[in-house]
């Protein structure tokens, strides 16, 4: 008779590790977002227009990606309801 308990434990460990990774990614992103205004201000004060433009483009790309993620999650929520 095969014991299914190890599979359940492995699955729970995997899900816990995935949740930890997601939480870590969220915290990194949250901290980065909080730093954006200060970074923009610093770049403006230094007068480095090239770096400022590149940084603003990066911010825009991140915001677009977050919007895509939000749309994906909203669609998944609709289909699972």
N, C-alpha and C. Protein backbone atom coordinates (compact mmCIF):
# COMPACT_ATOMS: atom_id res chain seq x y z
N UNK A 1 0.84 -1.18 0.00
CA UNK A 1 0.00 0.00 0.00
C UNK A 1 0.89 1.24 0.00
N UNK A 2 0.64 2.11 -0.93
CA UNK A 2 1.46 3.31 -1.09
C UNK A 2 0.87 4.44 -0.24
N UNK A 3 1.74 5.13 0.49
CA UNK A 3 1.31 6.23 1.33
C UNK A 3 1.31 7.51 0.51
N UNK A 4 0.16 8.22 0.45
CA UNK A 4 0.06 9.44 -0.35
C UNK A 4 0.46 10.68 0.44
N UNK A 5 0.77 10.53 1.69
CA UNK A 5 1.11 11.67 2.54
C UNK A 5 2.35 12.42 2.05
N UNK A 6 3.43 11.75 1.65
CA UNK A 6 4.60 12.51 1.18
C UNK A 6 4.28 13.41 -0.02
N UNK A 7 3.41 12.93 -0.93
CA UNK A 7 3.03 13.76 -2.06
C UNK A 7 2.30 15.02 -1.60
N UNK A 8 1.44 14.87 -0.62
CA UNK A 8 0.71 16.01 -0.10
C UNK A 8 1.66 16.99 0.58
N UNK A 9 2.61 16.49 1.33
CA UNK A 9 3.59 17.34 1.99
C UNK A 9 4.44 18.06 0.94
N UNK A 10 4.89 17.33 -0.08
CA UNK A 10 5.69 17.94 -1.15
C UNK A 10 4.90 19.03 -1.86
N UNK A 11 3.63 18.77 -2.12
CA UNK A 11 2.78 19.75 -2.79
C UNK A 11 2.64 20.99 -1.91
N UNK A 12 2.41 20.80 -0.61
CA UNK A 12 2.28 21.93 0.31
C UNK A 12 3.59 22.71 0.41
N UNK A 13 4.72 22.00 0.45
CA UNK A 13 6.02 22.67 0.48
C UNK A 13 6.24 23.49 -0.78
N UNK A 14 5.89 22.92 -1.93
CA UNK A 14 6.03 23.61 -3.21
C UNK A 14 5.15 24.85 -3.24
N UNK A 15 3.90 24.71 -2.82
CA UNK A 15 2.98 25.85 -2.81
C UNK A 15 3.47 26.93 -1.85
N UNK A 16 4.01 26.52 -0.72
CA UNK A 16 4.54 27.47 0.25
C UNK A 16 5.75 28.21 -0.31
N UNK A 17 6.61 27.49 -1.01
CA UNK A 17 7.79 28.11 -1.62
C UNK A 17 7.37 29.08 -2.72
N UNK A 18 6.37 28.69 -3.50
CA UNK A 18 5.87 29.58 -4.56
C UNK A 18 5.26 30.84 -3.95
N UNK A 19 4.53 30.70 -2.87
CA UNK A 19 3.94 31.85 -2.20
C UNK A 19 5.03 32.76 -1.64
N UNK A 20 6.09 32.17 -1.08
CA UNK A 20 7.21 32.96 -0.59
C UNK A 20 7.86 33.76 -1.71
N UNK A 21 8.03 33.12 -2.87
CA UNK A 21 8.62 33.81 -4.03
C UNK A 21 7.73 34.96 -4.49
N UNK A 22 6.43 34.72 -4.51
CA UNK A 22 5.50 35.76 -4.93
C UNK A 22 5.50 36.93 -3.94
N UNK A 23 5.54 36.62 -2.66
CA UNK A 23 5.58 37.67 -1.65
C UNK A 23 6.88 38.47 -1.75
N UNK A 24 7.98 37.78 -1.99
CA UNK A 24 9.27 38.46 -2.14
C UNK A 24 9.25 39.37 -3.36
N UNK A 25 8.72 38.87 -4.46
CA UNK A 25 8.64 39.67 -5.69
C UNK A 25 7.75 40.90 -5.46
N UNK A 26 6.66 40.70 -4.76
CA UNK A 26 5.76 41.81 -4.46
C UNK A 26 6.46 42.86 -3.62
N UNK A 27 7.20 42.44 -2.61
CA UNK A 27 7.91 43.38 -1.74
C UNK A 27 8.97 44.16 -2.50
N UNK A 28 9.70 43.47 -3.39
CA UNK A 28 10.71 44.14 -4.20
C UNK A 28 10.05 45.19 -5.10
N UNK A 29 8.98 44.81 -5.73
CA UNK A 29 8.26 45.73 -6.61
C UNK A 29 7.70 46.92 -5.82
N UNK A 30 7.15 46.63 -4.67
CA UNK A 30 6.58 47.69 -3.83
C UNK A 30 7.66 48.69 -3.41
N UNK A 31 8.82 48.19 -3.01
CA UNK A 31 9.92 49.07 -2.62
C UNK A 31 10.44 49.88 -3.80
N UNK A 32 10.50 49.26 -4.97
CA UNK A 32 10.94 49.97 -6.17
C UNK A 32 9.97 51.10 -6.50
N UNK A 33 8.68 50.81 -6.44
CA UNK A 33 7.67 51.83 -6.74
C UNK A 33 7.80 53.01 -5.78
N UNK A 34 8.04 52.72 -4.52
CA UNK A 34 8.19 53.79 -3.53
C UNK A 34 9.41 54.66 -3.83
N UNK A 35 10.42 54.09 -4.48
CA UNK A 35 11.65 54.83 -4.77
C UNK A 35 11.57 55.67 -6.04
N UNK A 36 10.57 55.44 -6.87
CA UNK A 36 10.48 56.12 -8.17
C UNK A 36 10.47 57.64 -8.04
N UNK A 37 9.60 58.24 -7.22
CA UNK A 37 9.58 59.71 -7.17
C UNK A 37 10.93 60.32 -6.78
N UNK A 38 11.59 59.72 -5.82
CA UNK A 38 12.89 60.23 -5.37
C UNK A 38 13.95 60.09 -6.46
N UNK A 39 13.92 58.97 -7.16
CA UNK A 39 14.88 58.75 -8.25
C UNK A 39 14.66 59.75 -9.37
N UNK A 40 13.40 59.99 -9.74
CA UNK A 40 13.09 60.97 -10.78
C UNK A 40 13.57 62.35 -10.35
N UNK A 41 13.30 62.70 -9.11
CA UNK A 41 13.72 64.00 -8.58
C UNK A 41 15.25 64.14 -8.65
N UNK A 42 15.96 63.10 -8.24
CA UNK A 42 17.43 63.13 -8.27
C UNK A 42 17.95 63.30 -9.70
N UNK A 43 17.36 62.56 -10.63
CA UNK A 43 17.80 62.66 -12.03
C UNK A 43 17.51 64.04 -12.60
N UNK A 44 16.37 64.61 -12.22
CA UNK A 44 16.03 65.96 -12.68
C UNK A 44 17.01 66.99 -12.12
N UNK A 45 17.35 66.84 -10.84
CA UNK A 45 18.28 67.77 -10.20
C UNK A 45 19.67 67.69 -10.80
N UNK A 46 20.08 66.49 -11.18
CA UNK A 46 21.41 66.30 -11.79
C UNK A 46 21.43 66.77 -13.24
N UNK A 47 20.24 66.96 -13.80
CA UNK A 47 20.17 67.42 -15.18
C UNK A 47 20.54 66.39 -16.21
N UNK A 48 20.52 65.11 -15.82
CA UNK A 48 20.87 64.03 -16.75
C UNK A 48 19.61 63.60 -17.51
N UNK A 49 19.33 64.31 -18.57
CA UNK A 49 18.09 64.08 -19.32
C UNK A 49 18.04 62.68 -19.96
N UNK A 50 19.18 62.20 -20.42
CA UNK A 50 19.21 60.88 -21.05
C UNK A 50 18.82 59.78 -20.05
N UNK A 51 19.41 59.82 -18.87
CA UNK A 51 19.08 58.82 -17.84
C UNK A 51 17.63 59.00 -17.37
N UNK A 52 17.19 60.25 -17.27
CA UNK A 52 15.81 60.51 -16.85
C UNK A 52 14.82 59.92 -17.86
N UNK A 53 15.08 60.13 -19.13
CA UNK A 53 14.19 59.60 -20.18
C UNK A 53 14.19 58.07 -20.13
N UNK A 54 15.36 57.46 -20.01
CA UNK A 54 15.45 55.99 -19.93
C UNK A 54 14.70 55.46 -18.71
N UNK A 55 14.86 56.14 -17.57
CA UNK A 55 14.21 55.70 -16.34
C UNK A 55 12.69 55.81 -16.47
N UNK A 56 12.23 56.91 -17.03
CA UNK A 56 10.78 57.08 -17.22
C UNK A 56 10.23 56.01 -18.16
N UNK A 57 11.00 55.63 -19.18
CA UNK A 57 10.58 54.56 -20.08
C UNK A 57 10.48 53.24 -19.32
N UNK A 58 11.45 52.99 -18.43
CA UNK A 58 11.41 51.76 -17.63
C UNK A 58 10.15 51.74 -16.75
N UNK A 59 9.86 52.88 -16.13
CA UNK A 59 8.67 52.96 -15.28
C UNK A 59 7.42 52.68 -16.10
N UNK A 60 7.36 53.26 -17.29
CA UNK A 60 6.20 53.06 -18.16
C UNK A 60 6.05 51.58 -18.54
N UNK A 61 7.17 50.92 -18.86
CA UNK A 61 7.12 49.49 -19.20
C UNK A 61 6.64 48.64 -18.03
N UNK A 62 7.11 48.97 -16.84
CA UNK A 62 6.67 48.23 -15.65
C UNK A 62 5.16 48.43 -15.45
N UNK A 63 4.70 49.65 -15.59
CA UNK A 63 3.27 49.92 -15.43
C UNK A 63 2.44 49.17 -16.47
N UNK A 64 2.93 49.13 -17.71
CA UNK A 64 2.22 48.38 -18.75
C UNK A 64 2.17 46.89 -18.41
N UNK A 65 3.28 46.35 -17.92
CA UNK A 65 3.31 44.94 -17.55
C UNK A 65 2.37 44.65 -16.39
N UNK A 66 2.32 45.55 -15.42
CA UNK A 66 1.40 45.38 -14.29
C UNK A 66 -0.05 45.42 -14.76
N UNK A 67 -0.33 46.27 -15.73
CA UNK A 67 -1.68 46.33 -16.29
C UNK A 67 -2.04 45.02 -16.98
N UNK A 68 -1.07 44.45 -17.71
CA UNK A 68 -1.30 43.14 -18.35
C UNK A 68 -1.56 42.06 -17.32
N UNK A 69 -0.79 42.07 -16.25
CA UNK A 69 -0.97 41.09 -15.18
C UNK A 69 -2.34 41.25 -14.55
N UNK A 70 -2.74 42.49 -14.29
CA UNK A 70 -4.06 42.76 -13.71
C UNK A 70 -5.17 42.23 -14.62
N UNK A 71 -5.05 42.51 -15.92
CA UNK A 71 -6.05 42.03 -16.88
C UNK A 71 -6.11 40.51 -16.90
N UNK A 72 -4.95 39.87 -16.86
CA UNK A 72 -4.90 38.40 -16.84
C UNK A 72 -5.58 37.86 -15.59
N UNK A 73 -5.27 38.46 -14.45
CA UNK A 73 -5.89 38.01 -13.20
C UNK A 73 -7.39 38.24 -13.20
N UNK A 74 -7.81 39.38 -13.74
CA UNK A 74 -9.25 39.67 -13.83
C UNK A 74 -9.95 38.64 -14.72
N UNK A 75 -9.31 38.29 -15.85
CA UNK A 75 -9.89 37.29 -16.75
C UNK A 75 -9.96 35.92 -16.09
N UNK A 76 -8.90 35.55 -15.38
CA UNK A 76 -8.91 34.27 -14.67
C UNK A 76 -10.00 34.24 -13.62
N UNK A 77 -10.19 35.36 -12.95
CA UNK A 77 -11.23 35.45 -11.92
C UNK A 77 -12.61 35.29 -12.53
N UNK A 78 -12.82 35.90 -13.71
CA UNK A 78 -14.11 35.79 -14.40
C UNK A 78 -14.40 34.34 -14.77
N UNK A 79 -13.39 33.65 -15.31
CA UNK A 79 -13.59 32.28 -15.77
C UNK A 79 -13.73 31.29 -14.63
N UNK A 80 -13.16 31.62 -13.48
CA UNK A 80 -13.24 30.69 -12.35
C UNK A 80 -14.51 30.88 -11.53
N UNK A 81 -15.22 31.97 -11.79
CA UNK A 81 -16.46 32.24 -11.03
C UNK A 81 -17.62 31.51 -11.60
